[in-house]
């Protein structure tokens, strides 16, 4: 038994790969396995940088998904007080437990 090794496709396109095997006497398999491989072009990120030193105005393409920012902006202001109250409540409970641990039982 012999490993055929890796197959590398250096250019984008559609390729048909056939895997044929032979036995110890050299007889070829009558039904070789055939696979169709599609290699897509490589995506390249582009950055536009301004001239000059630090903070040159870099922007990335594509822009980040704005829907997550809209979601955080919409609900973030609502949940912030809830989280703050929850945190204060837990913090206060911990202080009581540290002062009087028998109350936590």
N, C-alpha and C. Protein backbone atom coordinates (compact mmCIF):
# COMPACT_ATOMS: atom_id res chain seq x y z
N UNK A 1 0.84 -1.17 0.00
CA UNK A 1 0.00 0.00 0.00
C UNK A 1 0.89 1.23 0.00
N UNK A 2 0.57 2.18 -0.85
CA UNK A 2 1.40 3.37 -0.98
C UNK A 2 0.52 4.60 -0.92
N UNK A 3 0.96 5.60 -0.18
CA UNK A 3 0.25 6.88 -0.07
C UNK A 3 0.53 7.70 -1.32
N UNK A 4 -0.52 8.20 -1.99
CA UNK A 4 -0.28 8.97 -3.22
C UNK A 4 0.32 10.34 -2.97
N UNK A 5 0.18 10.90 -1.78
CA UNK A 5 0.74 12.22 -1.49
C UNK A 5 -0.26 13.33 -1.74
N UNK A 6 0.15 14.54 -1.45
CA UNK A 6 -0.71 15.71 -1.59
C UNK A 6 -0.76 16.17 -3.04
N UNK A 7 -1.90 16.71 -3.41
CA UNK A 7 -2.07 17.31 -4.73
C UNK A 7 -2.28 18.79 -4.52
N UNK A 8 -1.51 19.63 -5.20
CA UNK A 8 -1.57 21.07 -5.03
C UNK A 8 -2.05 21.70 -6.33
N UNK A 9 -3.02 22.60 -6.21
CA UNK A 9 -3.52 23.36 -7.36
C UNK A 9 -3.08 24.80 -7.18
N UNK A 10 -2.21 25.29 -8.06
CA UNK A 10 -1.65 26.63 -7.92
C UNK A 10 -2.49 27.71 -8.57
N UNK A 11 -3.46 27.34 -9.39
CA UNK A 11 -4.29 28.34 -10.06
C UNK A 11 -5.76 28.03 -9.81
N UNK A 12 -6.61 29.06 -9.78
CA UNK A 12 -8.04 28.82 -9.62
C UNK A 12 -8.61 28.10 -10.83
N UNK A 13 -9.67 27.34 -10.62
CA UNK A 13 -10.33 26.65 -11.72
C UNK A 13 -11.00 25.38 -11.27
N UNK A 14 -11.59 24.66 -12.23
CA UNK A 14 -12.23 23.37 -11.98
C UNK A 14 -11.31 22.27 -12.48
N UNK A 15 -11.07 21.28 -11.64
CA UNK A 15 -10.17 20.19 -11.98
C UNK A 15 -10.85 18.86 -11.70
N UNK A 16 -10.58 17.88 -12.53
CA UNK A 16 -11.05 16.53 -12.32
C UNK A 16 -9.86 15.68 -11.92
N UNK A 17 -9.97 15.03 -10.76
CA UNK A 17 -8.88 14.22 -10.23
C UNK A 17 -9.37 12.78 -10.19
N UNK A 18 -8.57 11.88 -10.75
CA UNK A 18 -8.90 10.46 -10.75
C UNK A 18 -7.87 9.72 -9.92
N UNK A 19 -8.37 8.92 -9.00
CA UNK A 19 -7.50 8.12 -8.15
C UNK A 19 -7.62 6.67 -8.61
N UNK A 20 -6.57 6.20 -9.25
CA UNK A 20 -6.55 4.82 -9.74
C UNK A 20 -5.58 4.02 -8.89
N UNK A 21 -5.92 2.80 -8.61
CA UNK A 21 -5.02 1.96 -7.83
C UNK A 21 -4.82 0.61 -8.52
N UNK A 22 -3.69 0.03 -8.22
CA UNK A 22 -3.36 -1.28 -8.77
C UNK A 22 -3.09 -2.24 -7.62
N UNK A 23 -3.24 -3.52 -7.90
CA UNK A 23 -2.95 -4.52 -6.88
C UNK A 23 -1.49 -4.94 -6.97
N UNK A 24 -1.10 -5.92 -6.17
CA UNK A 24 0.29 -6.37 -6.11
C UNK A 24 0.78 -6.93 -7.44
N UNK A 25 -0.14 -7.41 -8.29
CA UNK A 25 0.24 -7.96 -9.59
C UNK A 25 0.23 -6.91 -10.69
N UNK A 26 -0.17 -5.66 -10.34
CA UNK A 26 -0.18 -4.59 -11.33
C UNK A 26 -1.50 -4.43 -12.05
N UNK A 27 -2.53 -5.18 -11.64
CA UNK A 27 -3.84 -5.06 -12.29
C UNK A 27 -4.50 -3.76 -11.83
N UNK A 28 -5.01 -2.98 -12.79
CA UNK A 28 -5.63 -1.69 -12.53
C UNK A 28 -7.07 -1.86 -12.06
N UNK A 29 -7.48 -1.03 -11.14
CA UNK A 29 -8.87 -1.03 -10.66
C UNK A 29 -9.78 -0.67 -11.82
N UNK A 30 -10.88 -1.42 -11.98
CA UNK A 30 -11.77 -1.17 -13.11
C UNK A 30 -12.69 0.02 -12.87
N UNK A 31 -12.85 0.45 -11.63
CA UNK A 31 -13.69 1.61 -11.34
C UNK A 31 -12.90 2.61 -10.50
N UNK A 32 -12.03 3.39 -11.13
CA UNK A 32 -11.26 4.37 -10.36
C UNK A 32 -12.16 5.47 -9.79
N UNK A 33 -11.78 6.01 -8.66
CA UNK A 33 -12.53 7.10 -8.02
C UNK A 33 -12.20 8.41 -8.71
N UNK A 34 -13.23 9.18 -9.06
CA UNK A 34 -13.05 10.47 -9.70
C UNK A 34 -13.70 11.54 -8.85
N UNK A 35 -12.98 12.63 -8.65
CA UNK A 35 -13.46 13.75 -7.84
C UNK A 35 -13.28 15.03 -8.63
N UNK A 36 -14.28 15.91 -8.56
CA UNK A 36 -14.16 17.22 -9.21
C UNK A 36 -13.80 18.23 -8.12
N UNK A 37 -12.74 18.99 -8.35
CA UNK A 37 -12.23 19.96 -7.38
C UNK A 37 -12.38 21.35 -7.96
N UNK A 38 -12.96 22.26 -7.18
CA UNK A 38 -13.05 23.66 -7.59
C UNK A 38 -12.16 24.48 -6.68
N UNK A 39 -11.23 25.21 -7.28
CA UNK A 39 -10.32 26.08 -6.54
C UNK A 39 -10.75 27.51 -6.83
N UNK A 40 -11.19 28.22 -5.77
CA UNK A 40 -11.64 29.60 -5.92
C UNK A 40 -10.46 30.55 -5.89
N UNK A 41 -10.62 31.72 -6.51
CA UNK A 41 -9.55 32.73 -6.43
C UNK A 41 -9.35 33.18 -4.99
N UNK A 42 -8.15 33.57 -4.67
CA UNK A 42 -7.81 34.04 -3.33
C UNK A 42 -8.38 35.45 -3.15
N UNK A 43 -9.06 35.68 -2.00
CA UNK A 43 -9.57 37.01 -1.69
C UNK A 43 -8.44 37.83 -1.09
N UNK A 44 -8.31 39.05 -1.54
CA UNK A 44 -7.25 39.93 -1.06
C UNK A 44 -7.89 41.11 -0.34
N UNK A 45 -7.43 41.38 0.88
CA UNK A 45 -7.91 42.55 1.62
C UNK A 45 -7.15 43.78 1.14
N UNK A 46 -7.87 44.88 1.00
CA UNK A 46 -7.24 46.13 0.57
C UNK A 46 -7.32 47.15 1.69
N UNK A 47 -6.26 47.91 1.87
CA UNK A 47 -6.26 48.99 2.85
C UNK A 47 -5.80 50.26 2.17
N UNK A 48 -6.53 51.33 2.42
CA UNK A 48 -6.15 52.64 1.89
C UNK A 48 -5.55 53.43 3.03
N UNK A 49 -4.29 53.78 2.92
CA UNK A 49 -3.61 54.51 3.98
C UNK A 49 -3.26 55.90 3.50
N UNK A 50 -3.45 56.87 4.38
CA UNK A 50 -3.06 58.23 4.05
C UNK A 50 -1.55 58.39 4.17
N UNK A 51 -1.06 59.50 3.67
CA UNK A 51 0.37 59.78 3.76
C UNK A 51 0.69 60.31 5.14
N UNK A 52 1.90 60.12 5.58
CA UNK A 52 2.32 60.69 6.84
C UNK A 52 2.48 59.65 7.92
N UNK A 53 2.64 60.14 9.15
CA UNK A 53 2.92 59.28 10.28
C UNK A 53 1.71 58.54 10.78
N UNK A 54 1.75 58.20 12.07
CA UNK A 54 0.69 57.40 12.68
C UNK A 54 -0.68 58.03 12.52
N UNK A 55 -1.69 57.20 12.51
CA UNK A 55 -3.06 57.70 12.34
C UNK A 55 -3.30 58.19 10.94
N UNK A 56 -2.75 57.52 9.94
CA UNK A 56 -2.85 57.97 8.56
C UNK A 56 -4.19 57.71 7.91
N UNK A 57 -5.22 57.39 8.66
CA UNK A 57 -6.55 57.23 8.08
C UNK A 57 -6.74 55.92 7.36
N UNK A 58 -6.32 54.81 7.94
CA UNK A 58 -6.52 53.51 7.31
C UNK A 58 -7.99 53.12 7.34
N UNK A 59 -8.45 52.55 6.25
CA UNK A 59 -9.78 51.97 6.21
C UNK A 59 -9.66 50.60 5.59
N UNK A 60 -10.44 49.67 6.09
CA UNK A 60 -10.40 48.32 5.55
C UNK A 60 -11.63 48.08 4.71
N UNK A 61 -11.45 47.32 3.66
CA UNK A 61 -12.56 46.96 2.80
C UNK A 61 -12.69 45.45 2.84
N UNK A 62 -13.80 44.84 3.12
CA UNK A 62 -15.10 45.44 3.37
C UNK A 62 -15.20 46.01 4.78
N UNK A 63 -16.12 46.95 4.97
CA UNK A 63 -16.34 47.58 6.27
C UNK A 63 -16.94 46.57 7.24
N UNK A 64 -16.73 46.75 8.54
CA UNK A 64 -17.33 45.84 9.52
C UNK A 64 -18.85 45.85 9.41
N UNK A 65 -19.46 44.77 9.80
CA UNK A 65 -20.91 44.64 9.75
C UNK A 65 -21.54 45.68 10.67
N UNK A 66 -22.30 46.60 10.09
CA UNK A 66 -22.89 47.68 10.87
C UNK A 66 -24.09 47.21 11.68
N UNK A 67 -24.67 46.05 11.37
CA UNK A 67 -25.85 45.60 12.09
C UNK A 67 -25.53 45.30 13.55
N UNK A 68 -24.34 44.78 13.84
CA UNK A 68 -23.98 44.50 15.23
C UNK A 68 -23.81 45.79 16.01
N UNK A 69 -23.28 46.83 15.35
CA UNK A 69 -23.13 48.12 16.02
C UNK A 69 -24.50 48.73 16.30
N UNK A 70 -25.42 48.61 15.35
CA UNK A 70 -26.77 49.13 15.56
C UNK A 70 -27.46 48.38 16.70
N UNK A 71 -27.25 47.07 16.77
CA UNK A 71 -27.85 46.27 17.83
C UNK A 71 -27.31 46.68 19.20
N UNK A 72 -25.99 46.86 19.29
CA UNK A 72 -25.40 47.27 20.56
C UNK A 72 -25.86 48.67 20.95
N UNK A 73 -25.95 49.56 19.96
CA UNK A 73 -26.37 50.92 20.26
C UNK A 73 -27.82 50.95 20.72
N UNK A 74 -28.66 50.12 20.11
CA UNK A 74 -30.07 50.10 20.47
C UNK A 74 -30.29 49.49 21.84
N UNK A 75 -29.73 48.32 22.09
CA UNK A 75 -30.00 47.60 23.32
C UNK A 75 -28.95 47.83 24.40
N UNK A 76 -27.78 48.31 24.02
CA UNK A 76 -26.72 48.52 25.00
C UNK A 76 -27.11 49.54 26.06
N UNK A 77 -27.79 50.62 25.64
CA UNK A 77 -28.20 51.65 26.59
C UNK A 77 -29.27 51.12 27.55
N UNK A 78 -30.04 50.16 27.10
CA UNK A 78 -31.07 49.58 27.96
C UNK A 78 -30.46 48.61 28.98
N UNK A 79 -29.53 47.77 28.52
CA UNK A 79 -28.98 46.74 29.38
C UNK A 79 -27.90 47.25 30.34
N UNK A 80 -27.29 48.38 30.05
CA UNK A 80 -26.23 48.89 30.90
C UNK A 80 -26.72 49.15 32.33
N UNK A 81 -27.86 49.85 32.55
CA UNK A 81 -28.32 50.02 33.93
C UNK A 81 -28.69 48.70 34.60
N UNK A 82 -29.24 47.77 33.84
CA UNK A 82 -29.59 46.46 34.41
C UNK A 82 -28.33 45.74 34.88
N UNK A 83 -27.30 45.75 34.05
CA UNK A 83 -26.04 45.11 34.44
C UNK A 83 -25.41 45.81 35.63
N UNK A 84 -25.48 47.15 35.66
CA UNK A 84 -24.91 47.89 36.78
C UNK A 84 -25.63 47.54 38.08
N UNK A 85 -26.96 47.50 38.05
CA UNK A 85 -27.71 47.14 39.26
C UNK A 85 -27.42 45.71 39.70
N UNK A 86 -27.33 44.81 38.74
CA UNK A 86 -27.02 43.42 39.05
C UNK A 86 -25.64 43.32 39.70
N UNK A 87 -24.67 44.05 39.14
CA UNK A 87 -23.32 44.02 39.70
C UNK A 87 -23.27 44.60 41.10
N UNK A 88 -23.97 45.72 41.33
CA UNK A 88 -24.00 46.31 42.67
C UNK A 88 -24.68 45.39 43.66
N UNK A 89 -25.73 44.75 43.22
CA UNK A 89 -26.45 43.84 44.11
C UNK A 89 -25.57 42.65 44.51
N UNK A 90 -24.86 42.08 43.52
CA UNK A 90 -23.97 40.95 43.82
C UNK A 90 -22.82 41.41 44.70
N UNK A 91 -22.29 42.60 44.44
CA UNK A 91 -21.16 43.12 45.21
C UNK A 91 -21.61 43.34 46.66
N UNK A 92 -22.79 43.92 46.84
CA UNK A 92 -23.31 44.14 48.18
C UNK A 92 -23.55 42.83 48.91
N UNK A 93 -24.06 41.83 48.21
CA UNK A 93 -24.29 40.52 48.82
C UNK A 93 -22.98 39.90 49.26
N UNK A 94 -21.95 40.06 48.45
CA UNK A 94 -20.64 39.50 48.82
C UNK A 94 -20.09 40.19 50.07
N UNK A 95 -20.29 41.52 50.17
CA UNK A 95 -19.81 42.22 51.36
C UNK A 95 -20.53 41.73 52.61
N UNK A 96 -21.84 41.53 52.52
CA UNK A 96 -22.59 41.01 53.67
C UNK A 96 -22.09 39.63 54.05
N UNK A 97 -21.81 38.80 53.05
CA UNK A 97 -21.32 37.44 53.33
C UNK A 97 -19.96 37.47 53.99
N UNK A 98 -19.14 38.43 53.61
CA UNK A 98 -17.81 38.50 54.22
C UNK A 98 -17.89 39.01 55.65
N UNK A 99 -18.83 39.93 55.93
CA UNK A 99 -18.97 40.45 57.29
C UNK A 99 -19.65 39.43 58.21
N UNK A 100 -20.66 38.77 57.68
CA UNK A 100 -21.42 37.82 58.49
C UNK A 100 -21.62 36.54 57.68
N UNK A 101 -20.62 35.68 57.60
CA UNK A 101 -20.72 34.50 56.74
C UNK A 101 -21.83 33.55 57.12
N UNK A 102 -22.29 33.56 58.38
CA UNK A 102 -23.36 32.64 58.76
C UNK A 102 -24.67 32.97 58.05
N UNK A 103 -24.84 34.23 57.57
CA UNK A 103 -26.06 34.60 56.86
C UNK A 103 -26.11 34.00 55.46
N UNK A 104 -24.97 33.69 54.89
CA UNK A 104 -24.94 33.14 53.53
C UNK A 104 -25.37 31.68 53.50
N UNK A 105 -25.36 31.01 54.66
CA UNK A 105 -25.71 29.59 54.71
C UNK A 105 -27.14 29.39 54.63
